[in-house]
Amino acid sequence: MSSAVMDLLKLEQRLVIKFLTKEGNGPKTIYNQMSAVYGEHMLSYYQVKDWSKQFKWGRDSVEDNPRSDRPSDVITDEMC
């Protein structure tokens, strides 16, 4: 799967977490429901728990927060 598809999949899952959190579901329930759908491409339980907590505290954005570190220009298989 390409990185662009993976990024969209992460955003999709965060939207689902946001919705299910606003419905009153806890992280464990959310993780179990989503893992049945997303399978091996599922976020970790820790990520679900963290995003659920942030949405519960009033976060609206599903985007990553900007980082101060320098972005990589090119990543190739040889570099990894």
N, C-alpha and C. Protein backbone atom coordinates (compact mmCIF):
# COMPACT_ATOMS: atom_id res chain seq x y z
N MET A 1 0.84 -1.18 0.00
CA MET A 1 0.00 0.00 0.00
C MET A 1 0.89 1.24 0.00
N SER A 2 0.56 2.21 -0.81
CA SER A 2 1.37 3.42 -0.90
C SER A 2 1.19 4.28 0.37
N SER A 3 2.14 5.17 0.59
CA SER A 3 2.07 6.02 1.78
C SER A 3 0.88 6.98 1.72
N ALA A 4 0.50 7.41 0.52
CA ALA A 4 -0.66 8.30 0.39
C ALA A 4 -1.94 7.57 0.80
N VAL A 5 -2.06 6.32 0.40
CA VAL A 5 -3.24 5.52 0.77
C VAL A 5 -3.24 5.28 2.28
N MET A 6 -2.07 5.00 2.84
CA MET A 6 -1.97 4.77 4.28
C MET A 6 -2.35 6.03 5.06
N ASP A 7 -1.93 7.20 4.57
CA ASP A 7 -2.29 8.45 5.23
C ASP A 7 -3.79 8.67 5.21
N LEU A 8 -4.44 8.38 4.08
CA LEU A 8 -5.89 8.51 3.99
C LEU A 8 -6.59 7.52 4.91
N LEU A 9 -6.03 6.31 5.01
CA LEU A 9 -6.61 5.29 5.89
C LEU A 9 -6.52 5.73 7.35
N LYS A 10 -5.41 6.35 7.73
CA LYS A 10 -5.26 6.86 9.10
C LYS A 10 -6.31 7.93 9.39
N LEU A 11 -6.49 8.85 8.44
CA LEU A 11 -7.48 9.92 8.63
C LEU A 11 -8.89 9.35 8.72
N GLU A 12 -9.17 8.35 7.88
CA GLU A 12 -10.48 7.70 7.92
C GLU A 12 -10.72 7.07 9.29
N GLN A 13 -9.73 6.37 9.80
CA GLN A 13 -9.88 5.72 11.10
C GLN A 13 -10.03 6.74 12.22
N ARG A 14 -9.33 7.85 12.13
CA ARG A 14 -9.47 8.89 13.14
C ARG A 14 -10.87 9.49 13.13
N LEU A 15 -11.45 9.63 11.94
CA LEU A 15 -12.83 10.12 11.84
C LEU A 15 -13.80 9.15 12.50
N VAL A 16 -13.57 7.86 12.29
CA VAL A 16 -14.42 6.84 12.91
C VAL A 16 -14.27 6.91 14.43
N ILE A 17 -13.03 7.03 14.90
CA ILE A 17 -12.79 7.13 16.35
C ILE A 17 -13.51 8.35 16.92
N LYS A 18 -13.43 9.46 16.21
CA LYS A 18 -14.09 10.69 16.66
C LYS A 18 -15.59 10.47 16.77
N PHE A 19 -16.18 9.87 15.74
CA PHE A 19 -17.62 9.63 15.74
C PHE A 19 -18.03 8.69 16.87
N LEU A 20 -17.33 7.57 17.00
CA LEU A 20 -17.70 6.59 18.03
C LEU A 20 -17.45 7.13 19.44
N THR A 21 -16.44 7.98 19.61
CA THR A 21 -16.20 8.61 20.91
C THR A 21 -17.34 9.55 21.26
N LYS A 22 -17.79 10.33 20.27
CA LYS A 22 -18.90 11.26 20.52
C LYS A 22 -20.20 10.51 20.79
N GLU A 23 -20.30 9.27 20.31
CA GLU A 23 -21.46 8.43 20.63
C GLU A 23 -21.40 7.89 22.06
N GLY A 24 -20.24 8.02 22.70
CA GLY A 24 -20.10 7.56 24.08
C GLY A 24 -19.39 6.22 24.23
N ASN A 25 -18.81 5.71 23.15
CA ASN A 25 -18.09 4.44 23.23
C ASN A 25 -16.69 4.65 23.81
N GLY A 26 -16.22 3.66 24.55
CA GLY A 26 -14.87 3.70 25.11
C GLY A 26 -13.85 3.17 24.12
N PRO A 27 -12.57 3.41 24.39
CA PRO A 27 -11.50 2.99 23.48
C PRO A 27 -11.48 1.49 23.18
N LYS A 28 -11.74 0.67 24.17
CA LYS A 28 -11.71 -0.78 23.95
C LYS A 28 -12.81 -1.22 22.99
N THR A 29 -14.00 -0.67 23.16
CA THR A 29 -15.12 -0.97 22.26
C THR A 29 -14.82 -0.48 20.86
N ILE A 30 -14.29 0.73 20.77
CA ILE A 30 -13.96 1.30 19.47
C ILE A 30 -12.92 0.44 18.76
N TYR A 31 -11.87 0.06 19.49
CA TYR A 31 -10.81 -0.75 18.90
C TYR A 31 -11.36 -2.09 18.39
N ASN A 32 -12.19 -2.73 19.19
CA ASN A 32 -12.75 -4.03 18.79
C ASN A 32 -13.63 -3.91 17.56
N GLN A 33 -14.46 -2.88 17.50
CA GLN A 33 -15.33 -2.69 16.34
C GLN A 33 -14.51 -2.40 15.09
N MET A 34 -13.51 -1.53 15.22
CA MET A 34 -12.73 -1.13 14.06
C MET A 34 -11.80 -2.23 13.57
N SER A 35 -11.25 -3.03 14.48
CA SER A 35 -10.32 -4.08 14.05
C SER A 35 -11.03 -5.13 13.22
N ALA A 36 -12.32 -5.31 13.44
CA ALA A 36 -13.10 -6.26 12.63
C ALA A 36 -13.22 -5.76 11.19
N VAL A 37 -13.18 -4.45 11.00
CA VAL A 37 -13.31 -3.86 9.67
C VAL A 37 -11.95 -3.65 9.00
N TYR A 38 -10.99 -3.08 9.73
CA TYR A 38 -9.72 -2.68 9.14
C TYR A 38 -8.64 -3.77 9.19
N GLY A 39 -8.81 -4.77 10.02
CA GLY A 39 -7.88 -5.89 10.07
C GLY A 39 -6.44 -5.48 10.31
N GLU A 40 -5.54 -5.93 9.45
CA GLU A 40 -4.11 -5.68 9.64
C GLU A 40 -3.70 -4.23 9.43
N HIS A 41 -4.57 -3.42 8.86
CA HIS A 41 -4.26 -2.01 8.62
C HIS A 41 -4.81 -1.11 9.72
N MET A 42 -5.20 -1.73 10.82
CA MET A 42 -5.79 -1.03 11.95
C MET A 42 -4.73 -0.29 12.76
N LEU A 43 -5.10 0.88 13.29
CA LEU A 43 -4.24 1.59 14.23
C LEU A 43 -4.08 0.72 15.48
N SER A 44 -3.04 0.96 16.25
CA SER A 44 -2.83 0.19 17.48
C SER A 44 -3.85 0.62 18.53
N TYR A 45 -4.02 -0.22 19.55
CA TYR A 45 -4.94 0.11 20.63
C TYR A 45 -4.50 1.40 21.31
N TYR A 46 -3.17 1.58 21.49
CA TYR A 46 -2.66 2.79 22.12
C TYR A 46 -3.07 4.03 21.31
N GLN A 47 -2.98 3.95 19.99
CA GLN A 47 -3.36 5.10 19.15
C GLN A 47 -4.85 5.39 19.26
N VAL A 48 -5.66 4.34 19.26
CA VAL A 48 -7.12 4.52 19.41
C VAL A 48 -7.43 5.17 20.75
N LYS A 49 -6.78 4.69 21.80
CA LYS A 49 -7.00 5.23 23.14
C LYS A 49 -6.60 6.71 23.20
N ASP A 50 -5.45 7.04 22.62
CA ASP A 50 -4.96 8.41 22.64
C ASP A 50 -5.88 9.34 21.85
N TRP A 51 -6.26 8.95 20.64
CA TRP A 51 -7.15 9.80 19.84
C TRP A 51 -8.52 9.94 20.50
N SER A 52 -9.03 8.88 21.07
CA SER A 52 -10.32 8.94 21.75
C SER A 52 -10.26 9.94 22.90
N LYS A 53 -9.18 9.90 23.67
CA LYS A 53 -9.01 10.83 24.79
C LYS A 53 -8.96 12.27 24.28
N GLN A 54 -8.23 12.50 23.20
CA GLN A 54 -8.14 13.86 22.66
C GLN A 54 -9.50 14.37 22.18
N PHE A 55 -10.27 13.51 21.52
CA PHE A 55 -11.60 13.93 21.06
C PHE A 55 -12.53 14.16 22.24
N LYS A 56 -12.38 13.38 23.28
CA LYS A 56 -13.19 13.56 24.48
C LYS A 56 -12.89 14.90 25.14
N TRP A 57 -11.64 15.34 25.04
CA TRP A 57 -11.22 16.62 25.64
C TRP A 57 -11.50 17.81 24.74
N GLY A 58 -12.13 17.58 23.57
CA GLY A 58 -12.57 18.69 22.74
C GLY A 58 -11.82 18.90 21.45
N ARG A 59 -10.86 18.05 21.14
CA ARG A 59 -10.15 18.20 19.87
C ARG A 59 -11.12 17.95 18.72
N ASP A 60 -11.01 18.76 17.65
CA ASP A 60 -11.87 18.60 16.48
C ASP A 60 -11.11 18.06 15.28
N SER A 61 -9.84 18.42 15.15
CA SER A 61 -9.06 18.06 13.98
C SER A 61 -8.61 16.59 14.03
N VAL A 62 -8.64 15.93 12.87
CA VAL A 62 -8.13 14.57 12.77
C VAL A 62 -6.74 14.56 12.13
N GLU A 63 -6.25 15.75 11.78
CA GLU A 63 -4.92 15.89 11.18
C GLU A 63 -3.86 15.82 12.28
N ASP A 64 -2.63 15.41 11.90
CA ASP A 64 -1.51 15.45 12.82
C ASP A 64 -1.17 16.89 13.15
N ASN A 65 -0.67 17.11 14.35
CA ASN A 65 -0.18 18.43 14.72
C ASN A 65 1.12 18.69 13.96
N PRO A 66 1.38 19.95 13.59
CA PRO A 66 2.63 20.25 12.90
C PRO A 66 3.83 19.93 13.80
N ARG A 67 4.90 19.46 13.17
CA ARG A 67 6.11 19.13 13.92
C ARG A 67 7.20 20.13 13.61
N SER A 68 8.08 20.33 14.57
CA SER A 68 9.14 21.30 14.38
C SER A 68 10.39 20.69 13.75
N ASP A 69 10.46 19.36 13.68
CA ASP A 69 11.66 18.76 13.11
C ASP A 69 11.69 18.93 11.60
N ARG A 70 12.85 18.76 11.03
CA ARG A 70 13.05 18.97 9.60
C ARG A 70 12.44 17.82 8.80
N PRO A 71 11.62 18.13 7.81
CA PRO A 71 11.02 17.06 7.00
C PRO A 71 12.06 16.41 6.11
N SER A 72 11.87 15.14 5.83
CA SER A 72 12.79 14.46 4.93
C SER A 72 12.39 14.80 3.48
N ASP A 73 13.39 15.04 2.66
CA ASP A 73 13.13 15.40 1.28
C ASP A 73 12.82 14.17 0.42
N VAL A 74 13.63 13.14 0.59
CA VAL A 74 13.47 11.94 -0.22
C VAL A 74 13.72 10.72 0.66
N ILE A 75 12.88 9.74 0.54
CA ILE A 75 13.09 8.47 1.22
C ILE A 75 13.05 7.38 0.17
N THR A 76 14.11 6.63 0.09
CA THR A 76 14.17 5.53 -0.87
C THR A 76 14.38 4.23 -0.12
N ASP A 77 14.18 3.10 -0.79
CA ASP A 77 14.38 1.80 -0.17
C ASP A 77 15.82 1.63 0.30
N GLU A 78 16.78 2.20 -0.42
CA GLU A 78 18.19 2.08 -0.06
C GLU A 78 18.48 2.78 1.26
N MET A 79 17.75 3.87 1.53
CA MET A 79 18.00 4.64 2.75
C MET A 79 17.43 3.96 3.98
N CYS A 80 16.43 3.12 3.80
CA CYS A 80 15.76 2.48 4.93
C CYS A 80 16.53 1.30 5.46
